[in-house]
Protein backbone atom coordinates (compact mmCIF):
# COMPACT_ATOMS: atom_id res chain seq x y z
CA HIS A 1 -120.86 -54.52 42.18
CA SER A 2 -117.44 -54.39 40.99
CA ASP A 3 -118.56 -54.41 37.29
CA ARG A 4 -120.97 -51.39 38.00
CA HIS A 5 -117.93 -49.47 39.72
CA LEU A 6 -115.65 -50.42 36.74
CA ILE A 7 -118.46 -49.02 34.23
CA MET A 8 -118.91 -45.55 36.35
CA GLY A 9 -115.41 -45.46 36.59
CA THR A 10 -114.70 -45.70 32.92
CA PHE A 11 -117.56 -43.21 32.42
CA ARG A 12 -116.03 -40.70 34.29
CA ILE A 13 -112.46 -40.91 32.81
CA THR A 14 -113.98 -40.65 29.28
CA LYS A 15 -116.24 -37.72 30.30
CA HIS A 16 -112.90 -35.99 31.68
CA SER A 17 -110.99 -36.84 28.77
CA ASN A 18 -113.85 -35.24 26.53
CA SER A 19 -114.13 -32.15 28.54
CA SER A 20 -110.17 -31.52 28.38
CA HIS A 21 -110.20 -32.32 24.58
CA ARG A 22 -112.86 -29.61 24.00
CA ARG A 23 -110.85 -27.17 26.25
CA GLY A 24 -107.80 -28.02 24.06
CA ASN A 25 -109.78 -27.27 20.63
CA ALA A 26 -111.11 -23.91 22.12
CA GLY A 27 -107.36 -22.82 23.08
CA GLY A 28 -105.98 -23.74 19.63
CA LYS A 29 -108.90 -21.93 18.07
CA VAL A 30 -108.02 -18.98 20.13
CA ILE A 31 -104.26 -19.21 19.49
CA GLY A 32 -105.07 -19.43 15.80
CA LEU A 33 -107.42 -16.86 15.47
CA LEU A 34 -104.88 -14.36 17.34
CA PHE A 35 -102.19 -15.75 15.21
CA GLY A 36 -104.21 -15.02 11.90
CA GLY A 37 -105.48 -11.83 13.23
CA ILE A 38 -101.84 -10.20 13.92
CA PHE A 39 -101.02 -11.40 10.53
CA PHE A 40 -103.92 -10.27 9.07
CA GLY A 41 -103.97 -6.63 11.18
CA MET A 42 -100.13 -5.86 10.75
CA GLY A 43 -100.34 -6.68 6.85
CA ALA A 44 -103.46 -3.98 6.83
CA LEU A 45 -101.85 -1.42 8.90
CA PHE A 46 -98.60 -1.46 6.71
CA CYS A 47 -100.72 -1.44 3.62
CA TRP A 48 -102.60 1.31 4.34
CA MET A 49 -99.75 3.47 5.88
CA MET A 50 -97.40 2.65 2.94
CA GLY A 51 -99.43 1.68 0.09
CA LEU A 52 -102.84 2.59 -0.15
CA GLY A 53 -102.62 5.95 1.62
CA PRO A 54 -99.95 7.57 -0.61
CA LEU A 55 -101.81 5.95 -3.33
CA LEU A 56 -104.97 7.59 -2.62
CA GLN A 57 -103.15 10.89 -1.61
CA SER A 58 -101.40 11.14 -4.76
CA GLN A 59 -104.68 11.00 -6.90
CA ALA A 60 -106.31 13.27 -4.72
CA SER A 61 -103.52 15.60 -5.19
CA GLN A 62 -104.22 15.94 -8.92
CA GLU A 63 -106.67 18.62 -8.39
CA TRP A 64 -104.38 20.89 -5.94
CA PRO A 65 -103.01 24.12 -7.50
CA GLN A 66 -99.56 24.95 -8.12
CA VAL A 67 -97.53 27.55 -6.50
CA SER A 68 -94.04 28.68 -6.49
CA CYS A 69 -91.88 27.79 -3.56
CA VAL A 70 -88.08 28.17 -2.46
CA ILE A 71 -85.86 25.20 -1.42
CA GLU A 72 -84.35 26.03 1.97
CA SER A 73 -82.73 22.94 2.67
CA SER A 74 -81.74 19.64 0.51
CA GLU A 75 -79.80 16.85 1.37
CA VAL A 76 -79.78 12.78 1.23
CA GLY A 77 -80.83 11.55 4.68
CA GLN A 78 -78.84 8.93 6.39
CA HIS A 79 -80.32 6.38 8.91
CA ARG A 80 -78.30 3.54 10.81
CA ASP A 81 -79.74 0.51 12.52
CA SER A 82 -79.06 -3.22 13.19
CA ASP A 83 -80.27 -4.00 9.67
CA GLY A 84 -77.90 -1.74 7.90
CA THR A 85 -78.27 1.80 6.26
CA THR A 86 -81.21 3.33 4.39
CA TYR A 87 -81.74 6.82 2.84
CA SER A 88 -84.20 9.46 2.30
CA VAL A 89 -84.78 12.56 0.62
CA ASP A 90 -84.84 15.29 3.03
CA ILE A 91 -85.86 18.44 1.27
CA ARG A 92 -87.44 21.49 3.10
CA PHE A 93 -89.23 24.34 1.22
CA SER A 94 -91.20 27.57 1.82
CA TYR A 95 -94.09 28.78 0.24
CA SER A 96 -97.26 31.14 0.51
CA ALA A 97 -101.15 30.24 0.26
CA ARG A 98 -103.80 32.32 0.77
CA GLY A 99 -101.66 35.33 2.16
CA THR A 100 -99.76 32.79 4.74
CA SER A 101 -96.35 31.50 4.85
CA TYR A 102 -95.66 27.91 5.07
CA GLN A 103 -92.87 25.39 5.20
CA SER A 104 -93.25 21.68 4.20
CA ASP A 105 -90.62 19.06 4.43
CA SER A 106 -92.55 16.41 1.93
CA TYR A 107 -91.05 15.60 -1.16
CA ASN A 108 -93.80 13.17 -2.15
CA PHE A 109 -96.49 10.93 -0.11
CA ALA A 110 -93.92 8.30 0.85
CA SER A 111 -93.11 8.03 4.21
CA GLY A 112 -89.76 6.44 6.11
CA SER A 113 -86.64 5.47 4.19
CA SER A 114 -85.23 2.88 2.14
CA SER A 115 -82.04 1.24 0.76
CA GLY A 116 -80.18 3.14 -2.74
CA ARG A 117 -78.55 6.38 -2.12
CA SER A 118 -77.95 7.22 -5.62
CA ALA A 119 -81.78 7.39 -6.69
CA LYS A 120 -82.22 9.83 -3.68
CA ALA A 121 -79.17 11.84 -4.56
CA ALA A 122 -80.26 12.49 -8.06
CA ILE A 123 -83.55 13.95 -6.75
CA VAL A 124 -81.89 16.04 -4.20
CA ALA A 125 -79.43 17.35 -7.18
CA ARG A 126 -82.65 18.61 -8.92
CA TYR A 127 -83.73 21.02 -5.90
CA PRO A 128 -80.46 22.91 -4.78
CA VAL A 129 -80.56 25.30 -2.05
CA GLY A 130 -82.15 28.57 -2.79
CA SER A 131 -83.77 27.70 -5.96
CA GLN A 132 -87.27 28.71 -6.76
CA GLN A 133 -89.30 25.51 -7.60
CA LEU A 134 -93.06 24.66 -7.98
CA CYS A 135 -95.16 22.77 -5.32
CA TRP A 136 -98.92 21.26 -5.15
CA VAL A 137 -100.75 22.65 -2.22
CA ASN A 138 -103.74 21.03 -0.55
CA PRO A 139 -106.58 23.65 -1.03
CA GLN A 140 -108.15 21.93 2.06
CA ASP A 141 -105.28 22.43 4.24
CA PRO A 142 -102.58 24.76 2.77
CA SER A 143 -100.10 23.40 5.45
CA GLN A 144 -99.64 20.50 3.16
CA ALA A 145 -97.73 20.60 0.07
CA VAL A 146 -95.52 18.34 -1.74
CA LEU A 147 -92.84 18.71 -4.63
CA CYS A 148 -94.09 15.72 -6.33
CA ARG A 149 -97.16 14.21 -6.42
CA ASP A 150 -96.66 11.26 -8.59
CA ILE A 151 -97.38 7.82 -6.95
CA PRO A 152 -94.53 6.71 -4.95
CA ARG A 153 -92.68 3.60 -6.45
CA SER A 154 -92.47 1.83 -3.19
CA VAL A 155 -96.40 1.56 -3.62
CA TYR A 156 -96.17 -0.90 -6.29
CA PHE A 157 -94.08 -3.08 -3.81
CA VAL A 158 -95.56 -2.21 -0.70
CA ILE A 159 -99.34 -3.31 -1.64
CA PRO A 160 -98.52 -6.85 -3.27
CA PHE A 161 -96.08 -7.60 -0.37
CA CYS A 162 -98.64 -6.66 2.51
CA SER A 163 -101.38 -8.47 0.64
CA VAL A 164 -99.50 -11.74 1.15
CA PHE A 165 -99.36 -10.93 5.13
CA MET A 166 -103.39 -10.27 4.99
CA ILE A 167 -104.13 -13.52 2.89
CA ILE A 168 -102.09 -15.60 5.21
CA GLY A 169 -103.94 -14.11 8.07
CA ILE A 170 -107.30 -14.77 6.63
CA CYS A 171 -106.55 -18.29 5.46
CA VAL A 172 -105.27 -18.99 9.02
CA MET A 173 -108.49 -17.81 11.00
CA LEU A 174 -110.90 -19.56 8.48
CA GLY A 175 -108.75 -22.66 8.88
CA THR A 176 -109.14 -22.33 12.66
CA LEU A 177 -112.96 -21.78 12.11
CA GLY A 178 -113.13 -24.77 9.77
CA TRP A 179 -114.34 -22.76 7.20
CA LEU A 180 -111.77 -23.64 4.37
CA PRO A 181 -112.37 -26.56 2.17
CA ARG A 182 -111.79 -29.88 3.62
CA LYS A 183 -109.24 -31.08 1.22
CA TRP A 184 -107.07 -27.90 2.14
CA SER A 185 -107.29 -29.02 5.85
CA LEU A 186 -106.34 -32.54 4.70
CA GLN A 187 -103.40 -31.57 2.64
CA PHE A 188 -102.31 -29.01 5.66
CA ASN A 189 -102.63 -31.81 8.34
CA SER A 190 -100.63 -34.39 6.10
CA ARG A 191 -97.89 -32.03 5.92
CA HIS A 192 -97.69 -32.44 9.71
CA LYS A 193 -97.83 -36.06 10.38
């Protein structure tokens, strides 16, 4: 009798521990997929906004017509936060397209600001207030125009940098699902022993 109760008790403990282990594995997979998804999503978002987006816009603008414009304001923007000071090219210009007057503040297709004031100051110096310049206007949307249609330099840094985050995110998700080569998994586990 006692042997039977002992066997049943052992079975219940084993069954309970197995179910707990499965729940732990499921929870670990959810966390791994969430962590990997965040890495991939953030990398993809910034890659599109600051890399692929400006790159594609620059290529599309090669077909835009060129019109004359007048510089209304031109200065180096300064932005301070807890990480330091960054700078931007702040130029506003007016132009006419299809008989309608417009204003734009887009020097090129890059957005945001970055370090390095001297480079921005050199650009601003080429566009003094009141001067007549040339800009490129989007024929599909005349309210969109830029003074420079070249690919922004930041694109060449942003795309590789964001790609690293995307690759890390993909690897984490594949590893969580067990779809990576076994030797990679063994090497990863060995580092955490």
